[in-house]
Amino acid sequence: MNDVLRRAMYDANLTDLDVSAELTVDPKTVRRWMRGQMPHRRTRAALTRLLGVDEEVIWPELRSMGSDDGRPTEIAGVYSRRTAISSQNWLSFFESAKSEIGILAYSALFLAEDARIVRLLGEKSDTARIRIALGAPDVRTSLSAASRRRSARRWERRSATRSACWRRC
């Protein structure tokens, strides 16, 4: 329950219906916020302007989540290309992780090819949660090729069975 939000709405003499009409959201959405769900950034900013209260007063957890550049503090960096960061920087990022390492990459084979990184991730797995999500560029192609091979094998088996049956019959 977000009692601070409820109190701010009371002080502004606004009901959940008033807030929903003013922000053009569903009244159920406002009730969810009052139960503790946090609104999206834009809606949160409009709501705090409407109520005349600072975001961090209503949602104190924002203090630990955000940084000045709008990026959550737990995200160390976002790089569009792997070559934008050296392997030494990868190592320092992984070494500094305390509770979680998350890697989202298209292929990231370079990580598996670097023995130091593999060793470090193995050591960190005792103390940190490690999640790696990789893209699969040829999934559709490889699945359809595998599917075609399975179909061909089934057809060959059926044909062999039919041939045997024709010979016997």
Protein backbone atom coordinates (compact mmCIF):
# COMPACT_ATOMS: atom_id res chain seq x y z
CA MET A 1 0.00 0.00 0.00
CA ASN A 2 1.42 3.38 -0.97
CA ASP A 3 0.18 5.52 1.90
CA VAL A 4 2.30 8.49 0.81
CA LEU A 5 0.58 8.57 -2.59
CA ARG A 6 -2.81 8.15 -0.95
CA ARG A 7 -2.04 11.03 1.43
CA ALA A 8 -0.76 13.25 -1.41
CA MET A 9 -3.97 12.63 -3.34
CA TYR A 10 -6.02 13.44 -0.23
CA ASP A 11 -4.04 16.65 0.37
CA ALA A 12 -4.61 17.66 -3.29
CA ASN A 13 -8.32 16.87 -2.82
CA LEU A 14 -8.23 14.33 -5.68
CA THR A 15 -9.86 10.93 -5.94
CA ASP A 16 -8.60 8.04 -8.04
CA LEU A 17 -11.21 8.99 -10.65
CA ASP A 18 -9.96 12.59 -10.73
CA VAL A 19 -6.37 11.45 -11.17
CA SER A 20 -7.29 8.94 -13.86
CA ALA A 21 -9.23 11.59 -15.81
CA GLU A 22 -6.42 14.13 -15.47
CA LEU A 23 -3.71 11.69 -16.59
CA THR A 24 -5.94 9.86 -19.10
CA VAL A 25 -5.39 6.44 -17.56
CA ASP A 26 -7.83 3.81 -16.37
CA PRO A 27 -9.05 4.20 -12.76
CA LYS A 28 -7.84 0.63 -12.11
CA THR A 29 -4.34 1.79 -13.00
CA VAL A 30 -4.49 4.53 -10.36
CA ARG A 31 -5.73 2.00 -7.81
CA ARG A 32 -2.76 -0.25 -8.69
CA TRP A 33 -0.42 2.67 -7.99
CA MET A 34 -2.14 3.16 -4.65
CA ARG A 35 -1.57 -0.54 -3.89
CA GLY A 36 2.16 -0.12 -4.54
CA GLN A 37 2.78 -0.57 -8.27
CA MET A 38 5.04 2.12 -9.71
CA PRO A 39 3.84 4.04 -12.78
CA HIS A 40 5.95 4.47 -15.91
CA ARG A 41 8.41 7.36 -15.85
CA ARG A 42 6.33 9.79 -17.95
CA THR A 43 3.13 9.08 -16.06
CA ARG A 44 4.99 9.28 -12.75
CA ALA A 45 6.31 12.74 -13.68
CA ALA A 46 2.82 13.94 -14.66
CA LEU A 47 1.37 12.53 -11.45
CA THR A 48 3.93 14.22 -9.23
CA ARG A 49 3.36 17.55 -11.06
CA LEU A 50 -0.39 17.13 -10.51
CA LEU A 51 0.07 16.38 -6.80
CA GLY A 52 2.91 18.86 -6.23
CA VAL A 53 5.07 16.22 -4.54
CA ASP A 54 8.57 15.01 -5.44
CA GLU A 55 8.80 11.50 -6.99
CA GLU A 56 11.27 10.29 -4.38
CA VAL A 57 8.88 11.22 -1.59
CA ILE A 58 6.14 9.03 -3.03
CA TRP A 59 8.50 6.28 -4.25
CA PRO A 60 11.62 6.28 -2.01
CA GLU A 61 13.00 3.24 -3.87
CA LEU A 62 13.74 5.56 -6.81
CA ARG A 63 16.72 6.94 -4.89
CA SER A 64 18.55 3.63 -5.17
CA MET A 65 17.36 2.82 -8.70
CA GLY A 66 18.30 5.78 -10.82
CA SER A 67 21.30 7.79 -11.85
CA ASP A 68 21.68 11.23 -13.38
CA ASP A 69 21.71 9.98 -16.97
CA GLY A 70 18.37 8.16 -16.62
CA ARG A 71 20.03 4.73 -16.52
CA PRO A 72 19.57 2.50 -13.48
CA THR A 73 22.75 2.32 -11.42
CA GLU A 74 22.96 -1.47 -11.68
CA ILE A 75 23.55 -1.21 -15.44
CA ALA A 76 27.26 -0.60 -15.86
CA GLY A 77 27.12 0.08 -19.57
CA VAL A 78 25.40 -0.53 -22.88
CA TYR A 79 27.60 -1.05 -25.92
CA SER A 80 26.36 -1.42 -29.47
CA ARG A 81 29.46 -3.31 -30.59
CA ARG A 82 31.68 -5.74 -28.77
CA THR A 83 34.77 -3.92 -30.07
CA ALA A 84 33.66 -0.81 -28.18
CA ILE A 85 34.99 -2.39 -24.98
CA SER A 86 38.26 -4.22 -24.37
CA SER A 87 38.54 -7.67 -22.80
CA GLN A 88 40.25 -6.05 -19.81
CA ASN A 89 37.16 -3.88 -19.28
CA TRP A 90 34.96 -6.98 -19.53
CA LEU A 91 37.08 -8.57 -16.82
CA SER A 92 36.85 -5.51 -14.57
CA PHE A 93 33.06 -5.35 -15.01
CA PHE A 94 32.68 -9.01 -14.10
CA GLU A 95 35.14 -8.77 -11.19
CA SER A 96 33.24 -5.84 -9.67
CA ALA A 97 29.88 -7.66 -9.77
CA LYS A 98 28.61 -8.46 -6.30
CA SER A 99 25.26 -10.17 -6.77
CA GLU A 100 24.43 -10.52 -10.45
CA ILE A 101 25.98 -10.59 -13.92
CA GLY A 102 23.64 -10.25 -16.88
CA ILE A 103 24.88 -10.52 -20.45
CA LEU A 104 22.58 -9.87 -23.38
CA ALA A 105 24.40 -10.38 -26.67
CA TYR A 106 23.80 -11.62 -30.17
CA SER A 107 26.50 -14.29 -30.17
CA ALA A 108 29.27 -13.35 -27.66
CA LEU A 109 31.59 -16.16 -28.73
CA PHE A 110 34.51 -13.98 -27.70
CA LEU A 111 33.48 -14.49 -24.06
CA ALA A 112 33.76 -18.26 -24.34
CA GLU A 113 37.08 -17.96 -26.19
CA ASP A 114 38.73 -15.91 -23.41
CA ALA A 115 39.93 -18.34 -20.73
CA ARG A 116 40.27 -15.56 -18.13
CA ILE A 117 36.62 -14.55 -18.53
CA VAL A 118 35.42 -18.17 -18.42
CA ARG A 119 37.45 -18.80 -15.25
CA LEU A 120 36.20 -15.58 -13.63
CA LEU A 121 32.55 -16.36 -14.45
CA GLY A 122 33.04 -19.83 -12.96
CA GLU A 123 34.42 -18.29 -9.76
CA LYS A 124 31.66 -15.67 -9.62
CA SER A 125 28.95 -18.29 -10.04
CA ASP A 126 29.44 -19.22 -6.36
CA THR A 127 28.50 -15.73 -5.15
CA ALA A 128 26.62 -14.07 -8.01
CA ARG A 129 23.69 -14.99 -10.18
CA ILE A 130 24.86 -15.20 -13.80
CA ARG A 131 22.42 -14.91 -16.69
CA ILE A 132 23.44 -14.98 -20.33
CA ALA A 133 20.92 -14.43 -23.13
CA LEU A 134 22.18 -14.99 -26.66
CA GLY A 135 20.53 -14.33 -30.00
CA ALA A 136 20.23 -17.17 -32.46
CA PRO A 137 20.67 -15.77 -35.97
CA ASP A 138 19.99 -19.00 -37.87
CA VAL A 139 17.32 -20.61 -35.68
CA ARG A 140 14.63 -20.52 -38.36
CA THR A 141 17.02 -21.86 -40.99
CA SER A 142 18.50 -24.58 -38.81
CA LEU A 143 15.12 -25.64 -37.48
CA SER A 144 13.64 -25.88 -40.92
CA ALA A 145 16.71 -27.78 -42.16
CA ALA A 146 16.45 -30.17 -39.21
CA SER A 147 12.74 -30.50 -39.85
CA ARG A 148 13.40 -31.26 -43.50
CA ARG A 149 15.96 -33.92 -42.53
CA ARG A 150 13.49 -35.56 -40.11
CA SER A 151 10.77 -35.53 -42.76
CA ALA A 152 13.14 -37.04 -45.31
CA ARG A 153 14.12 -39.83 -42.86
CA ARG A 154 10.46 -40.54 -42.09
CA TRP A 155 9.65 -40.65 -45.79
CA GLU A 156 12.57 -43.03 -46.41
CA ARG A 157 11.35 -45.32 -43.61
CA ARG A 158 7.80 -45.29 -44.93
CA SER A 159 9.02 -45.92 -48.47
CA ALA A 160 11.14 -48.83 -47.27
CA THR A 161 8.15 -50.24 -45.38
CA ARG A 162 5.89 -49.83 -48.40
CA SER A 163 8.46 -51.49 -50.66
CA ALA A 164 8.76 -54.42 -48.28
CA CYS A 165 4.97 -54.70 -48.10
CA TRP A 166 4.64 -54.62 -51.89
CA ARG A 167 7.19 -57.37 -52.25
CA ARG A 168 5.51 -59.58 -49.66
CA CYS A 169 1.96 -59.02 -50.77
